[in-house]
Every structure is written in structure tokens, then in C-alpha cells.
Amino acid sequence: MTPAQRELARHALGLPNGARRSYRNRYFAVAGGEAARQWEAMVEAGEAEGGEPCHKPSSRFFCLTRKGADLALDPRETLCPEDFPR
């Protein structure tokens, strides 16, 4: 996961925040845009899922896999067990 991809992944998780815990797992990207290209690379690496059109043809939905979410965490941060059950 590149630094740019990690930044996108952290945004998808709602990090950073005062609770040091993720509270979501979603990212909407403009089809064909730089963010979508970064997410597509994460999908290929097994760090994310998605890429399907949503709401409108120009929008793509992505979410992190457990592997990708773990890579995005800073020390002492945790994942919401509702989004990432063990």
C-alpha cells in the first residue's frame, strides 16, 4: 500500500479520530479519476473490494478488506468489530 493509498484507506475508515477506532468502511470515487485508479490498484492487491458503479454511472464504490484495513491503521488504532468481525 502506497502512502497515497493509505491516505485514501484511512479516509474510508474515518480515521484519524479521537476514539482511535474506525467507524465506517466506504469510499466513493469518480470513475476514471486518480482516486479510483488508486483504489483499483488496492483491489488488485487484495486490500480492497468494489469498483462497481453506484448511484450514478460516474461514481464507483470501494471498501477495504481486512488486509487493507490493517495496513491503514496507526499504532493504538483499532477497527470497528461491526465492520471487521473476527
N, C-alpha and C. Protein backbone atom coordinates (compact mmCIF):
# COMPACT_ATOMS: atom_id res chain seq x y z
N MET A 1 0.86 -1.17 0.00
CA MET A 1 0.00 0.00 0.00
C MET A 1 0.90 1.23 0.00
N THR A 2 0.69 2.07 -0.99
CA THR A 2 1.49 3.29 -1.10
C THR A 2 0.99 4.33 -0.09
N PRO A 3 1.79 5.36 0.17
CA PRO A 3 1.31 6.42 1.07
C PRO A 3 0.00 7.07 0.60
N ALA A 4 -0.15 7.28 -0.69
CA ALA A 4 -1.39 7.87 -1.22
C ALA A 4 -2.57 6.92 -1.00
N GLN A 5 -2.35 5.63 -1.21
CA GLN A 5 -3.41 4.65 -1.00
C GLN A 5 -3.76 4.56 0.48
N ARG A 6 -2.77 4.63 1.33
CA ARG A 6 -3.02 4.58 2.78
C ARG A 6 -3.86 5.77 3.22
N GLU A 7 -3.58 6.93 2.67
CA GLU A 7 -4.38 8.12 2.99
C GLU A 7 -5.84 7.91 2.59
N LEU A 8 -6.08 7.36 1.40
CA LEU A 8 -7.45 7.07 0.96
C LEU A 8 -8.10 6.03 1.86
N ALA A 9 -7.34 5.01 2.23
CA ALA A 9 -7.87 3.95 3.09
C ALA A 9 -8.25 4.50 4.46
N ARG A 10 -7.41 5.36 5.01
CA ARG A 10 -7.71 5.95 6.32
C ARG A 10 -8.97 6.81 6.24
N HIS A 11 -9.12 7.54 5.16
CA HIS A 11 -10.34 8.35 4.98
C HIS A 11 -11.56 7.43 4.93
N ALA A 12 -11.46 6.32 4.21
CA ALA A 12 -12.57 5.38 4.12
C ALA A 12 -12.97 4.84 5.49
N LEU A 13 -12.00 4.70 6.38
CA LEU A 13 -12.25 4.18 7.73
C LEU A 13 -12.69 5.25 8.72
N GLY A 14 -12.64 6.52 8.31
CA GLY A 14 -13.00 7.60 9.22
C GLY A 14 -11.89 7.95 10.20
N LEU A 15 -10.66 7.65 9.82
CA LEU A 15 -9.51 7.94 10.66
C LEU A 15 -8.73 9.12 10.11
N PRO A 16 -8.08 9.90 10.95
CA PRO A 16 -8.00 9.76 12.40
C PRO A 16 -9.22 10.34 13.10
N ASN A 17 -9.44 9.89 14.31
CA ASN A 17 -10.48 10.48 15.16
C ASN A 17 -10.08 10.27 16.61
N GLY A 18 -10.76 10.97 17.50
CA GLY A 18 -10.41 10.94 18.92
C GLY A 18 -10.55 9.57 19.57
N ALA A 19 -11.43 8.74 19.04
CA ALA A 19 -11.63 7.41 19.61
C ALA A 19 -10.57 6.41 19.15
N ARG A 20 -9.80 6.77 18.13
CA ARG A 20 -8.78 5.89 17.56
C ARG A 20 -9.38 4.56 17.10
N ARG A 21 -10.60 4.66 16.57
CA ARG A 21 -11.30 3.47 16.10
C ARG A 21 -12.05 3.81 14.82
N SER A 22 -12.00 2.91 13.86
CA SER A 22 -12.73 3.13 12.61
C SER A 22 -14.23 3.17 12.90
N TYR A 23 -14.96 3.89 12.08
CA TYR A 23 -16.42 3.91 12.25
C TYR A 23 -17.16 3.77 10.93
N ARG A 24 -16.44 3.47 9.87
CA ARG A 24 -17.07 3.22 8.57
C ARG A 24 -16.08 2.44 7.72
N ASN A 25 -16.51 2.04 6.55
CA ASN A 25 -15.64 1.35 5.59
C ASN A 25 -16.22 1.56 4.20
N ARG A 26 -16.03 2.75 3.67
CA ARG A 26 -16.57 3.04 2.34
C ARG A 26 -15.85 4.24 1.73
N TYR A 27 -15.80 4.23 0.41
CA TYR A 27 -15.22 5.35 -0.31
C TYR A 27 -15.90 5.40 -1.68
N PHE A 28 -16.37 6.57 -2.04
CA PHE A 28 -16.96 6.79 -3.36
C PHE A 28 -15.97 7.61 -4.17
N ALA A 29 -15.62 7.12 -5.35
CA ALA A 29 -14.63 7.78 -6.20
C ALA A 29 -15.24 8.07 -7.57
N VAL A 30 -14.75 9.12 -8.20
CA VAL A 30 -15.17 9.46 -9.56
C VAL A 30 -14.53 8.45 -10.51
N ALA A 31 -15.33 7.81 -11.34
CA ALA A 31 -14.82 6.84 -12.31
C ALA A 31 -13.76 7.47 -13.19
N GLY A 32 -12.63 6.79 -13.34
CA GLY A 32 -11.56 7.28 -14.19
C GLY A 32 -10.64 8.28 -13.53
N GLY A 33 -10.96 8.70 -12.32
CA GLY A 33 -10.15 9.68 -11.60
C GLY A 33 -8.97 9.03 -10.90
N GLU A 34 -8.08 9.86 -10.37
CA GLU A 34 -6.89 9.35 -9.69
C GLU A 34 -7.25 8.49 -8.48
N ALA A 35 -8.23 8.91 -7.70
CA ALA A 35 -8.61 8.11 -6.53
C ALA A 35 -9.12 6.74 -6.96
N ALA A 36 -9.92 6.68 -8.00
CA ALA A 36 -10.42 5.39 -8.49
C ALA A 36 -9.27 4.51 -8.96
N ARG A 37 -8.28 5.08 -9.62
CA ARG A 37 -7.11 4.30 -10.05
C ARG A 37 -6.36 3.73 -8.85
N GLN A 38 -6.20 4.55 -7.81
CA GLN A 38 -5.52 4.07 -6.60
C GLN A 38 -6.31 2.93 -5.95
N TRP A 39 -7.63 3.09 -5.88
CA TRP A 39 -8.47 2.04 -5.30
C TRP A 39 -8.43 0.78 -6.15
N GLU A 40 -8.43 0.92 -7.46
CA GLU A 40 -8.36 -0.26 -8.34
C GLU A 40 -7.06 -1.04 -8.10
N ALA A 41 -5.97 -0.32 -7.85
CA ALA A 41 -4.70 -0.99 -7.53
C ALA A 41 -4.81 -1.72 -6.19
N MET A 42 -5.52 -1.13 -5.23
CA MET A 42 -5.72 -1.81 -3.94
C MET A 42 -6.59 -3.06 -4.11
N VAL A 43 -7.58 -3.00 -5.01
CA VAL A 43 -8.41 -4.17 -5.29
C VAL A 43 -7.52 -5.28 -5.85
N GLU A 44 -6.65 -4.96 -6.80
CA GLU A 44 -5.75 -5.95 -7.39
C GLU A 44 -4.82 -6.56 -6.36
N ALA A 45 -4.44 -5.77 -5.34
CA ALA A 45 -3.53 -6.25 -4.29
C ALA A 45 -4.27 -7.00 -3.18
N GLY A 46 -5.59 -7.11 -3.28
CA GLY A 46 -6.36 -7.78 -2.25
C GLY A 46 -6.61 -6.93 -1.02
N GLU A 47 -6.37 -5.64 -1.12
CA GLU A 47 -6.54 -4.72 0.01
C GLU A 47 -7.90 -4.04 0.02
N ALA A 48 -8.65 -4.18 -1.06
CA ALA A 48 -9.97 -3.55 -1.17
C ALA A 48 -10.86 -4.38 -2.08
N GLU A 49 -12.14 -4.05 -2.04
CA GLU A 49 -13.14 -4.67 -2.91
C GLU A 49 -13.95 -3.56 -3.55
N GLY A 50 -14.63 -3.89 -4.62
CA GLY A 50 -15.55 -2.92 -5.22
C GLY A 50 -15.10 -2.46 -6.59
N GLY A 51 -15.51 -1.23 -6.89
CA GLY A 51 -15.25 -0.65 -8.19
C GLY A 51 -16.48 -0.61 -9.07
N GLU A 52 -17.59 -1.08 -8.52
CA GLU A 52 -18.84 -1.10 -9.27
C GLU A 52 -19.49 0.28 -9.28
N PRO A 53 -20.19 0.61 -10.38
CA PRO A 53 -20.92 1.88 -10.41
C PRO A 53 -21.99 1.91 -9.31
N CYS A 54 -22.21 3.09 -8.77
CA CYS A 54 -23.25 3.24 -7.76
C CYS A 54 -23.86 4.64 -7.86
N HIS A 55 -25.10 4.73 -7.56
CA HIS A 55 -25.85 5.99 -7.58
C HIS A 55 -25.93 6.61 -8.97
N LYS A 56 -24.79 6.78 -9.62
CA LYS A 56 -24.76 7.30 -10.98
C LYS A 56 -23.55 6.69 -11.70
N PRO A 57 -23.58 6.65 -13.00
CA PRO A 57 -22.51 5.98 -13.76
C PRO A 57 -21.10 6.53 -13.51
N SER A 58 -21.00 7.77 -13.08
CA SER A 58 -19.68 8.38 -12.89
C SER A 58 -19.09 8.12 -11.51
N SER A 59 -19.79 7.38 -10.65
CA SER A 59 -19.34 7.13 -9.28
C SER A 59 -19.04 5.65 -9.08
N ARG A 60 -17.97 5.36 -8.34
CA ARG A 60 -17.58 3.99 -8.03
C ARG A 60 -17.50 3.83 -6.51
N PHE A 61 -17.95 2.67 -6.02
CA PHE A 61 -17.93 2.36 -4.60
C PHE A 61 -16.81 1.38 -4.29
N PHE A 62 -16.06 1.66 -3.23
CA PHE A 62 -14.99 0.78 -2.78
C PHE A 62 -15.07 0.61 -1.26
N CYS A 63 -14.58 -0.51 -0.77
CA CYS A 63 -14.41 -0.71 0.67
C CYS A 63 -13.14 -1.54 0.87
N LEU A 64 -12.61 -1.49 2.07
CA LEU A 64 -11.37 -2.18 2.38
C LEU A 64 -11.64 -3.62 2.81
N THR A 65 -10.71 -4.49 2.49
CA THR A 65 -10.70 -5.83 3.07
C THR A 65 -10.01 -5.73 4.43
N ARG A 66 -10.05 -6.78 5.19
CA ARG A 66 -9.35 -6.78 6.49
C ARG A 66 -7.87 -6.50 6.28
N LYS A 67 -7.29 -7.10 5.25
CA LYS A 67 -5.87 -6.89 4.94
C LYS A 67 -5.58 -5.41 4.73
N GLY A 68 -6.38 -4.74 3.91
CA GLY A 68 -6.17 -3.33 3.63
C GLY A 68 -6.41 -2.46 4.85
N ALA A 69 -7.45 -2.79 5.62
CA ALA A 69 -7.75 -2.01 6.82
C ALA A 69 -6.61 -2.11 7.83
N ASP A 70 -6.07 -3.30 8.02
CA ASP A 70 -4.95 -3.46 8.95
C ASP A 70 -3.74 -2.63 8.52
N LEU A 71 -3.49 -2.57 7.22
CA LEU A 71 -2.36 -1.78 6.71
C LEU A 71 -2.55 -0.28 6.92
N ALA A 72 -3.79 0.16 7.02
CA ALA A 72 -4.09 1.58 7.15
C ALA A 72 -3.99 2.09 8.58
N LEU A 73 -4.00 1.19 9.55
CA LEU A 73 -4.02 1.61 10.95
C LEU A 73 -2.68 2.17 11.41
N ASP A 74 -2.76 3.17 12.28
CA ASP A 74 -1.61 3.66 13.03
C ASP A 74 -1.53 2.86 14.32
N PRO A 75 -0.37 2.91 15.01
CA PRO A 75 -0.29 2.24 16.31
C PRO A 75 -1.40 2.73 17.25
N ARG A 76 -1.95 1.79 18.02
CA ARG A 76 -3.00 2.04 19.01
C ARG A 76 -4.37 2.34 18.40
N GLU A 77 -4.51 2.27 17.09
CA GLU A 77 -5.82 2.40 16.46
C GLU A 77 -6.42 1.00 16.29
N THR A 78 -7.75 0.94 16.29
CA THR A 78 -8.45 -0.33 16.14
C THR A 78 -9.54 -0.20 15.09
N LEU A 79 -10.03 -1.36 14.67
CA LEU A 79 -11.11 -1.41 13.69
C LEU A 79 -12.42 -1.70 14.41
N CYS A 80 -13.49 -1.12 13.91
CA CYS A 80 -14.82 -1.37 14.46
C CYS A 80 -15.17 -2.84 14.21
N PRO A 81 -15.50 -3.60 15.27
CA PRO A 81 -15.82 -5.01 15.07
C PRO A 81 -17.10 -5.24 14.27
N GLU A 82 -17.94 -4.23 14.18
CA GLU A 82 -19.15 -4.35 13.36
C GLU A 82 -18.79 -4.42 11.87
N ASP A 83 -17.80 -3.63 11.47
CA ASP A 83 -17.35 -3.62 10.08
C ASP A 83 -16.33 -4.72 9.79
N PHE A 84 -15.56 -5.11 10.81
CA PHE A 84 -14.50 -6.10 10.64
C PHE A 84 -14.56 -7.14 11.75
N PRO A 85 -15.56 -8.03 11.70
CA PRO A 85 -15.65 -9.07 12.75
C PRO A 85 -14.49 -10.05 12.65
N ARG A 86 -14.11 -10.60 13.75
CA ARG A 86 -13.01 -11.59 13.78
C ARG A 86 -13.52 -12.94 13.37
